Amino acid sequence: MRSPDRKLLPQEIARKKKKLSKTLNQLEGLTEGTRKHHRKSFKAEKTLDQVTTGRSGIRPNKSALNMLGVSRNEYGESRGENHDVNKRFGYDPADKKAFMQLNQKTKDSLHGEANKYGKPFFSPKHGVNVDPEDGVLSNRPVYSDNTKLTYDKIDKPFSESGINRNETKTDSLGHDAAWAKWEKGYMDRTHKMKGTKFEKPITPEENKREMEMERGEFMYDKDKGQIRLRKTDDAENPIERKSRYVNPEQGDFDYENPNYRNTPEYKKFKRKQKRNSKKKSPINLNDPYAGQYEAGAGGGADYFSNAEDFQKLFGSIGDAFSKAYTPENKAKHQEKRAARRDKRAEKKFEISSKLAEGGGENVNPEYKKFMDKTSKIKKRAVENKTKALLAKNKKDQNI
């Protein structure tokens, strides 16, 4: 039998009151039904009993934790319009449970529907929010007004929605207008992290500097008519990059802009390129010792490059390349490339591949685009095979 509870001193009661106030503040930011919320609730109940009775000891009985993950509260639905920015979001364990109960096939299917609709939505059947970029979201934030983040409810596939995919969207903007709107979002700011404890004023110069630093992370989406973030991998490295490949028009230009050829910078670049092409080669091929130079320690040894020998070497390299790059070899290379792409499609678009094999038409647009390119490569391989066969027959007839 334990000893009787002792009477608390006035300073101890004052300390208990501060402890109770601190625990109640902590409870405001916790989600009901979690282990931590359960522990803090009992702590507040125990401290309140000690302050009320003026005695030490633990008298309230600790209730069992509800581990079912079922929400004890009834939440409203909103997009967070009335959320108090000074309070943290809460989370309902029931949402995490709903996410965990979905298999990967269902998640991929929902993600595909979000891409077809071109916007996030809430699935009443599965109780989850789905985003075109991130797929099925594992949680739904609970706002300070006791509402949950809920996107527009959609309970049927896109194919049954009756929406015309080719119809013009009201929020679709042209290239220049979309970038102007994006820049305005940066330049109109007066404070950073507004509504948080880290809020601080920001100058127009700082706005412009940050905007230019982050510009490369965004791109204009022609299909949506909006500026969006470039896609990244798990390490946040960009997958979609601005065109910088080597081609006859190489230069640092925004090739996504259909009017980039009309810009002054591009016209200046083309003029410079034209001037360079007219310049005479510095090597005089009529000089038997073209390209003479000195080298070695202190320039004591002379080395000579004979132009005629160089021309012979260059010609032999060209002949070897022409022999190796015959239609027959091109066909072999293209067949191997098409086979690799087929294997990659099975791994990258597992669901769409199976649907296509079964004759299904509702496949991922990206998969269709990928397979169209593979078909073109296979077609070129067949054409090169035919050329090689015709050339061989012609050669046999001439013998």
Protein backbone atom coordinates (compact mmCIF):
# COMPACT_ATOMS: atom_id res chain seq x y z
CA MET A 1 0.00 0.00 0.00
CA ARG A 2 1.46 3.35 -1.06
CA SER A 3 1.87 6.33 1.27
CA PRO A 4 -0.86 9.01 1.28
CA ASP A 5 -0.55 11.91 -1.17
CA ARG A 6 1.17 14.90 0.39
CA LYS A 7 -0.12 18.46 0.33
CA LEU A 8 1.54 20.63 -2.30
CA LEU A 9 3.32 23.87 -1.34
CA PRO A 10 2.16 27.18 -2.92
CA GLN A 11 5.28 27.39 -5.15
CA GLU A 12 4.66 23.80 -6.31
CA ILE A 13 1.06 24.63 -7.24
CA ALA A 14 2.28 27.69 -9.20
CA ARG A 15 4.76 25.48 -11.07
CA LYS A 16 2.01 22.93 -11.80
CA LYS A 17 -0.21 25.69 -13.25
CA LYS A 18 2.58 26.76 -15.65
CA LYS A 19 3.08 23.12 -16.60
CA LEU A 20 -0.66 22.72 -17.29
CA SER A 21 -0.73 25.85 -19.49
CA LYS A 22 2.26 24.60 -21.51
CA THR A 23 0.71 21.14 -22.02
CA LEU A 24 -2.61 22.62 -23.18
CA ASN A 25 -0.77 24.81 -25.76
CA GLN A 26 1.06 21.73 -27.04
CA LEU A 27 -2.24 19.86 -27.42
CA GLU A 28 -3.59 22.53 -29.81
CA GLY A 29 -1.03 21.59 -32.46
CA LEU A 30 -1.48 17.80 -32.17
CA THR A 31 -3.82 15.51 -34.08
CA GLU A 32 -6.42 13.72 -32.01
CA GLY A 33 -6.05 9.96 -32.09
CA THR A 34 -2.23 9.95 -32.23
CA ARG A 35 -0.05 8.41 -29.52
CA LYS A 36 1.47 11.76 -28.59
CA HIS A 37 -1.96 13.44 -28.29
CA HIS A 38 -3.11 10.61 -26.03
CA ARG A 39 -0.05 10.96 -23.77
CA LYS A 40 -0.30 14.76 -23.50
CA SER A 41 -4.06 14.58 -22.79
CA PHE A 42 -3.49 12.29 -19.81
CA LYS A 43 -0.64 14.53 -18.60
CA ALA A 44 -2.95 17.59 -18.71
CA GLU A 45 -5.71 15.67 -16.90
CA LYS A 46 -3.29 14.52 -14.17
CA THR A 47 -1.81 18.03 -13.64
CA LEU A 48 -5.28 19.65 -13.53
CA ASP A 49 -6.34 17.18 -10.79
CA GLN A 50 -3.19 18.03 -8.75
CA VAL A 51 -3.81 21.79 -9.07
CA THR A 52 -7.52 21.41 -8.15
CA THR A 53 -7.00 19.14 -5.09
CA GLY A 54 -3.70 20.68 -3.98
CA ARG A 55 -2.18 17.22 -3.49
CA SER A 56 0.48 15.17 -5.26
CA GLY A 57 -0.07 11.74 -6.77
CA ILE A 58 -1.90 10.32 -9.78
CA ARG A 59 -5.62 9.77 -9.38
CA PRO A 60 -7.18 9.86 -12.88
CA ASN A 61 -7.21 6.54 -14.78
CA LYS A 62 -5.39 6.54 -18.15
CA SER A 63 -7.73 5.40 -20.94
CA ALA A 64 -6.59 3.00 -23.69
CA LEU A 65 -5.28 4.52 -26.92
CA ASN A 66 -7.56 4.18 -29.91
CA MET A 67 -5.23 2.41 -32.40
CA LEU A 68 -7.85 1.85 -35.10
CA GLY A 69 -6.88 5.01 -36.93
CA VAL A 70 -10.54 6.03 -37.15
CA SER A 71 -11.17 9.75 -36.93
CA ARG A 72 -12.98 10.83 -33.76
CA ASN A 73 -13.90 14.20 -35.26
CA GLU A 74 -16.21 15.26 -38.05
CA TYR A 75 -14.30 17.51 -40.42
CA GLY A 76 -15.54 19.99 -42.97
CA GLU A 77 -14.16 20.39 -46.49
CA SER A 78 -12.23 23.39 -47.81
CA ARG A 79 -9.08 24.56 -49.57
CA GLY A 80 -7.79 26.29 -46.42
CA GLU A 81 -9.35 29.71 -47.12
CA ASN A 82 -10.08 30.38 -43.43
CA HIS A 83 -6.93 28.79 -41.97
CA ASP A 84 -5.10 30.76 -39.25
CA VAL A 85 -1.56 31.14 -40.63
CA ASN A 86 -0.16 31.38 -37.09
CA LYS A 87 -1.26 27.79 -36.35
CA ARG A 88 0.23 24.58 -37.66
CA PHE A 89 -1.65 22.07 -39.78
CA GLY A 90 -3.08 18.98 -38.12
CA TYR A 91 -3.38 15.50 -39.65
CA ASP A 92 -5.95 12.74 -39.33
CA PRO A 93 -4.57 9.16 -38.99
CA ALA A 94 -7.60 7.91 -40.96
CA ASP A 95 -6.22 9.62 -44.12
CA LYS A 96 -2.87 7.87 -43.79
CA LYS A 97 -4.70 4.56 -43.30
CA ALA A 98 -6.81 5.15 -46.44
CA PHE A 99 -3.61 5.81 -48.43
CA MET A 100 -1.88 2.67 -47.10
CA GLN A 101 -4.85 0.46 -48.04
CA LEU A 102 -4.49 1.35 -51.77
CA ASN A 103 -2.38 -1.00 -53.89
CA GLN A 104 0.09 0.37 -56.46
CA LYS A 105 -2.18 -0.44 -59.39
CA THR A 106 -5.00 1.70 -57.94
CA LYS A 107 -2.57 4.55 -57.18
CA ASP A 108 -1.24 4.49 -60.75
CA SER A 109 -4.77 4.44 -62.13
CA LEU A 110 -5.80 7.47 -60.04
CA HIS A 111 -2.61 9.31 -61.02
CA GLY A 112 -3.39 8.64 -64.69
CA GLU A 113 -6.91 10.06 -64.30
CA ALA A 114 -5.50 13.23 -62.67
CA ASN A 115 -3.22 13.68 -65.69
CA LYS A 116 -6.15 13.24 -68.08
CA TYR A 117 -8.30 15.77 -66.20
CA GLY A 118 -5.28 18.10 -65.94
CA LYS A 119 -6.03 19.08 -62.34
CA PRO A 120 -6.01 17.64 -58.79
CA PHE A 121 -9.18 15.98 -57.50
CA PHE A 122 -10.63 14.15 -54.48
CA SER A 123 -11.78 10.55 -54.88
CA PRO A 124 -14.88 9.93 -52.68
CA LYS A 125 -14.57 6.18 -53.27
CA HIS A 126 -11.01 5.92 -51.90
CA GLY A 127 -11.02 8.99 -49.62
CA VAL A 128 -7.77 10.50 -51.01
CA ASN A 129 -6.61 13.59 -52.88
CA VAL A 130 -4.82 12.99 -56.20
CA ASP A 131 -2.42 15.44 -57.88
CA PRO A 132 -1.23 15.32 -61.54
CA GLU A 133 2.39 15.91 -60.49
CA ASP A 134 2.69 13.97 -57.19
CA GLY A 135 0.06 11.25 -57.65
CA VAL A 136 -2.01 10.04 -54.66
CA LEU A 137 -1.29 12.23 -51.61
CA SER A 138 -0.63 10.36 -48.35
CA ASN A 139 -2.22 12.98 -46.07
CA ARG A 140 -4.86 15.70 -46.05
CA PRO A 141 -3.95 18.75 -43.92
CA VAL A 142 -6.48 19.63 -41.20
CA TYR A 143 -6.89 23.41 -40.98
CA SER A 144 -7.47 25.53 -37.89
CA ASP A 145 -11.21 25.83 -38.70
CA ASN A 146 -11.54 22.01 -38.45
CA THR A 147 -11.75 21.46 -42.20
CA LYS A 148 -9.66 19.18 -44.41
CA LEU A 149 -8.02 19.92 -47.73
CA THR A 150 -10.52 18.62 -50.30
CA TYR A 151 -10.12 19.15 -54.05
CA ASP A 152 -13.02 18.97 -56.53
CA LYS A 153 -14.78 15.61 -56.16
CA ILE A 154 -14.55 13.29 -59.18
CA ASP A 155 -16.05 9.79 -59.01
CA LYS A 156 -15.84 8.62 -62.63
CA PRO A 157 -13.03 8.11 -65.15
CA PHE A 158 -12.17 10.77 -67.70
CA SER A 159 -13.49 8.63 -70.55
CA GLU A 160 -17.00 8.88 -69.03
CA SER A 161 -16.81 12.59 -68.16
CA GLY A 162 -17.87 13.89 -71.59
CA ILE A 163 -15.05 16.48 -71.56
CA ASN A 164 -13.49 17.35 -74.91
CA ARG A 165 -9.73 17.13 -74.42
CA ASN A 166 -9.13 19.54 -77.32
CA GLU A 167 -11.39 22.31 -76.06
CA THR A 168 -9.68 25.62 -75.20
CA LYS A 169 -9.15 26.20 -71.48
CA THR A 170 -10.22 29.54 -70.04
CA ASP A 171 -7.00 29.90 -68.02
CA SER A 172 -4.73 29.03 -70.96
CA LEU A 173 -2.26 31.80 -71.83
CA GLY A 174 0.20 32.42 -74.63
CA HIS A 175 3.97 32.12 -74.11
CA ASP A 176 4.67 35.82 -73.40
CA ALA A 177 1.50 36.36 -71.33
CA ALA A 178 2.22 33.30 -69.15
CA TRP A 179 5.78 34.44 -68.41
CA ALA A 180 4.56 37.98 -67.68
CA LYS A 181 2.08 36.59 -65.14
CA TRP A 182 4.79 34.44 -63.56
CA GLU A 183 7.16 37.42 -63.24
CA LYS A 184 4.39 39.57 -61.73
CA GLY A 185 3.94 36.99 -58.96
CA TYR A 186 7.55 37.60 -57.89
CA MET A 187 7.74 41.36 -58.38
CA ASP A 188 4.47 42.13 -56.52
CA ARG A 189 5.77 40.65 -53.26
CA THR A 190 6.42 43.00 -50.33
CA HIS A 191 7.29 40.32 -47.72
CA LYS A 192 8.80 36.85 -47.75
CA MET A 193 7.15 33.96 -45.84
CA LYS A 194 4.16 36.20 -45.07
CA GLY A 195 2.02 35.08 -42.15
CA THR A 196 4.77 33.07 -40.45
CA LYS A 197 7.16 33.91 -37.62
CA PHE A 198 9.93 34.17 -40.25
CA GLU A 199 8.17 36.99 -42.14
CA LYS A 200 10.52 39.74 -43.39
CA PRO A 201 10.25 42.60 -45.92
CA ILE A 202 11.76 42.20 -49.39
CA THR A 203 12.90 44.86 -51.88
CA PRO A 204 12.17 44.90 -55.66
CA GLU A 205 15.88 44.24 -56.31
CA GLU A 206 15.77 41.12 -54.11
CA ASN A 207 12.56 40.02 -55.87
CA LYS A 208 14.23 40.31 -59.28
CA ARG A 209 17.41 38.55 -58.16
CA GLU A 210 15.47 35.60 -56.71
CA MET A 211 13.22 35.47 -59.80
CA GLU A 212 16.20 35.21 -62.18
CA MET A 213 17.88 32.57 -59.97
CA GLU A 214 14.77 30.36 -60.03
CA ARG A 215 13.71 31.00 -63.65
CA GLY A 216 15.53 27.90 -64.91
CA GLU A 217 13.41 25.67 -62.62
CA PHE A 218 10.25 26.60 -64.59
CA MET A 219 9.07 26.13 -68.17
CA TYR A 220 6.12 27.07 -70.39
CA ASP A 221 3.71 24.17 -70.91
CA LYS A 222 2.16 24.56 -74.39
CA ASP A 223 -0.58 22.01 -73.65
CA LYS A 224 -1.80 23.81 -70.50
CA GLY A 225 -0.85 27.34 -71.52
CA GLN A 226 0.74 27.90 -68.11
CA ILE A 227 4.19 28.17 -66.49
CA ARG A 228 5.00 25.08 -64.43
CA LEU A 229 7.95 23.54 -62.59
CA ARG A 230 10.26 21.36 -64.64
CA LYS A 231 10.05 17.69 -63.70
CA THR A 232 12.81 16.39 -61.40
CA ASP A 233 14.02 12.99 -60.26
CA ASP A 234 14.16 11.76 -56.64
CA ALA A 235 17.39 13.74 -56.07
CA GLU A 236 15.69 16.99 -57.27
CA ASN A 237 17.82 17.01 -60.43
CA PRO A 238 15.90 18.41 -63.43
CA ILE A 239 14.75 15.85 -66.00
CA GLU A 240 13.41 18.48 -68.41
CA ARG A 241 16.08 20.95 -69.48
CA LYS A 242 16.20 23.91 -71.83
CA SER A 243 17.39 22.81 -75.27
CA ARG A 244 21.20 23.03 -75.34
CA TYR A 245 22.02 20.21 -77.75
CA VAL A 246 24.61 20.74 -80.48
CA ASN A 247 22.97 21.56 -83.80
CA PRO A 248 23.39 24.05 -86.65
CA GLU A 249 21.62 26.63 -84.52
CA GLN A 250 23.69 26.05 -81.39
CA GLY A 251 23.54 28.95 -78.96
CA ASP A 252 21.92 29.87 -75.66
CA PHE A 253 18.35 30.50 -76.83
CA ASP A 254 14.92 29.53 -75.49
CA TYR A 255 14.04 26.96 -78.18
CA GLU A 256 10.65 26.40 -76.48
CA ASN A 257 9.63 29.87 -77.72
CA PRO A 258 8.29 29.42 -81.28
CA ASN A 259 9.38 33.00 -82.14
CA TYR A 260 12.98 32.72 -80.93
CA ARG A 261 14.30 33.17 -84.51
CA ASN A 262 12.83 36.71 -84.56
CA THR A 263 14.78 37.90 -81.50
CA PRO A 264 17.69 40.38 -82.03
CA GLU A 265 20.07 38.04 -80.18
CA TYR A 266 19.36 35.17 -82.56
CA LYS A 267 19.73 37.36 -85.67
CA LYS A 268 23.07 38.66 -84.37
CA PHE A 269 24.18 35.08 -83.74
CA LYS A 270 23.27 34.04 -87.31
CA ARG A 271 25.21 37.02 -88.79
CA LYS A 272 28.29 36.05 -86.79
CA GLN A 273 27.91 32.43 -87.88
CA LYS A 274 27.71 33.54 -91.54
CA ARG A 275 30.85 35.71 -91.21
CA ASN A 276 32.80 32.83 -89.67
CA SER A 277 31.84 30.49 -92.50
CA LYS A 278 33.28 32.91 -95.10
CA LYS A 279 36.65 33.18 -93.39
CA LYS A 280 39.51 31.50 -95.29
CA SER A 281 41.09 28.45 -93.65
CA PRO A 282 44.41 29.38 -91.96
CA ILE A 283 46.06 26.20 -93.39
CA ASN A 284 47.54 26.54 -96.87
CA LEU A 285 47.15 23.06 -98.35
CA ASN A 286 49.59 23.91 -101.17
CA ASP A 287 52.41 24.35 -98.66
CA PRO A 288 54.18 20.96 -98.14
CA TYR A 289 55.01 21.98 -94.58
CA ALA A 290 51.70 23.54 -93.58
CA GLY A 291 51.23 23.81 -89.83
CA GLN A 292 54.94 24.08 -88.92
CA TYR A 293 55.56 24.84 -85.25
CA GLU A 294 58.30 24.64 -82.66
CA ALA A 295 58.09 22.73 -79.38
CA GLY A 296 60.19 20.86 -76.84
CA ALA A 297 62.50 22.18 -74.15
CA GLY A 298 63.24 25.79 -74.97
CA GLY A 299 61.87 25.33 -78.50
CA GLY A 300 64.94 23.35 -79.53
CA ALA A 301 63.13 20.76 -81.72
CA ASP A 302 61.19 21.39 -84.94
CA TYR A 303 58.06 19.37 -85.84
CA PHE A 304 56.40 19.46 -89.25
CA SER A 305 52.94 18.40 -90.49
CA ASN A 306 52.83 17.48 -94.15
CA ALA A 307 49.56 18.68 -95.70
CA GLU A 308 49.47 15.90 -98.31
CA ASP A 309 49.86 13.16 -95.67
CA PHE A 310 47.20 14.82 -93.57
CA GLN A 311 44.79 14.83 -96.51
CA LYS A 312 45.40 11.12 -97.14
CA LEU A 313 44.77 10.30 -93.46
CA PHE A 314 41.59 12.36 -93.41
CA GLY A 315 40.38 10.66 -96.62
CA SER A 316 41.02 7.17 -95.22
CA ILE A 317 39.04 8.03 -92.08
CA GLY A 318 36.13 9.22 -94.25
CA ASP A 319 36.23 6.08 -96.38
CA ALA A 320 36.25 3.83 -93.31
CA PHE A 321 33.29 5.69 -91.86
CA SER A 322 31.34 5.40 -95.15
CA LYS A 323 31.99 1.65 -95.33
CA ALA A 324 30.94 1.12 -91.72
CA TYR A 325 27.79 3.25 -92.00
CA THR A 326 26.10 1.26 -94.76
CA PRO A 327 22.31 0.74 -94.91
CA GLU A 328 22.84 -2.82 -93.64
CA ASN A 329 24.75 -1.66 -90.56
CA LYS A 330 22.28 1.17 -89.97
CA ALA A 331 19.42 -1.37 -90.03
CA LYS A 332 21.21 -3.56 -87.44
CA HIS A 333 21.79 -0.56 -85.19
CA GLN A 334 18.16 0.57 -85.48
CA GLU A 335 16.83 -2.92 -84.74
CA LYS A 336 18.93 -3.13 -81.57
CA ARG A 337 17.79 0.33 -80.55
CA ALA A 338 14.10 -0.57 -81.09
CA ALA A 339 14.56 -3.77 -79.02
CA ARG A 340 16.06 -1.76 -76.16
CA ARG A 341 13.15 0.70 -76.28
CA ASP A 342 10.62 -2.16 -76.16
CA LYS A 343 12.24 -3.51 -72.99
CA ARG A 344 12.34 -0.03 -71.48
CA ALA A 345 8.63 0.48 -72.26
CA GLU A 346 7.71 -2.74 -70.40
CA LYS A 347 9.48 -1.48 -67.27
CA LYS A 348 8.58 2.20 -67.48
CA PHE A 349 4.93 1.75 -68.57
CA GLU A 350 4.07 -1.62 -67.06
CA ILE A 351 0.30 -1.05 -66.82
CA SER A 352 -0.04 0.64 -70.23
CA SER A 353 2.00 -2.16 -71.87
CA LYS A 354 -0.37 -4.82 -70.55
CA LEU A 355 -3.42 -2.78 -71.59
CA ALA A 356 -2.00 -2.36 -75.11
CA GLU A 357 -1.31 -6.10 -75.40
CA GLY A 358 -4.94 -6.82 -74.46
CA GLY A 359 -6.19 -4.40 -77.11
CA GLY A 360 -7.07 -1.62 -74.64
CA GLU A 361 -7.10 1.97 -75.92
CA ASN A 362 -7.12 3.87 -72.61
CA VAL A 363 -3.32 3.99 -72.23
CA ASN A 364 -0.95 6.62 -70.85
CA PRO A 365 -0.36 9.39 -73.49
CA GLU A 366 3.36 9.29 -72.67
CA TYR A 367 3.42 5.55 -73.45
CA LYS A 368 1.70 6.18 -76.81
CA LYS A 369 4.24 8.88 -77.69
CA PHE A 370 7.13 6.61 -76.67
CA MET A 371 5.85 3.69 -78.77
CA ASP A 372 5.19 5.94 -81.80
CA LYS A 373 8.87 6.88 -81.84
CA THR A 374 9.86 3.20 -81.50
CA SER A 375 7.63 2.37 -84.48
CA LYS A 376 9.38 5.04 -86.58
CA ILE A 377 12.78 3.55 -85.70
CA LYS A 378 11.54 0.06 -86.72
CA LYS A 379 10.19 1.51 -89.99
CA ARG A 380 13.58 3.10 -90.78
CA ALA A 381 15.28 -0.23 -90.04
CA VAL A 382 13.01 -1.98 -92.59
CA GLU A 383 13.73 0.76 -95.17
CA ASN A 384 17.51 0.42 -94.68
CA LYS A 385 17.25 -3.38 -94.93
CA THR A 386 15.44 -2.98 -98.25
CA LYS A 387 18.12 -0.57 -99.51
CA ALA A 388 20.86 -3.00 -98.51
CA LEU A 389 19.10 -5.88 -100.29
CA LEU A 390 18.60 -3.83 -103.48
CA ALA A 391 22.25 -2.76 -103.45
CA LYS A 392 23.39 -6.35 -103.02
CA ASN A 393 21.20 -7.56 -105.94
CA LYS A 394 22.51 -4.77 -108.15
CA LYS A 395 26.09 -5.67 -107.27
CA ASP A 396 25.46 -9.37 -108.05
CA GLN A 397 24.01 -8.46 -111.47
CA ASN A 398 27.07 -6.37 -112.36
CA ILE A 399 29.49 -9.22 -111.55
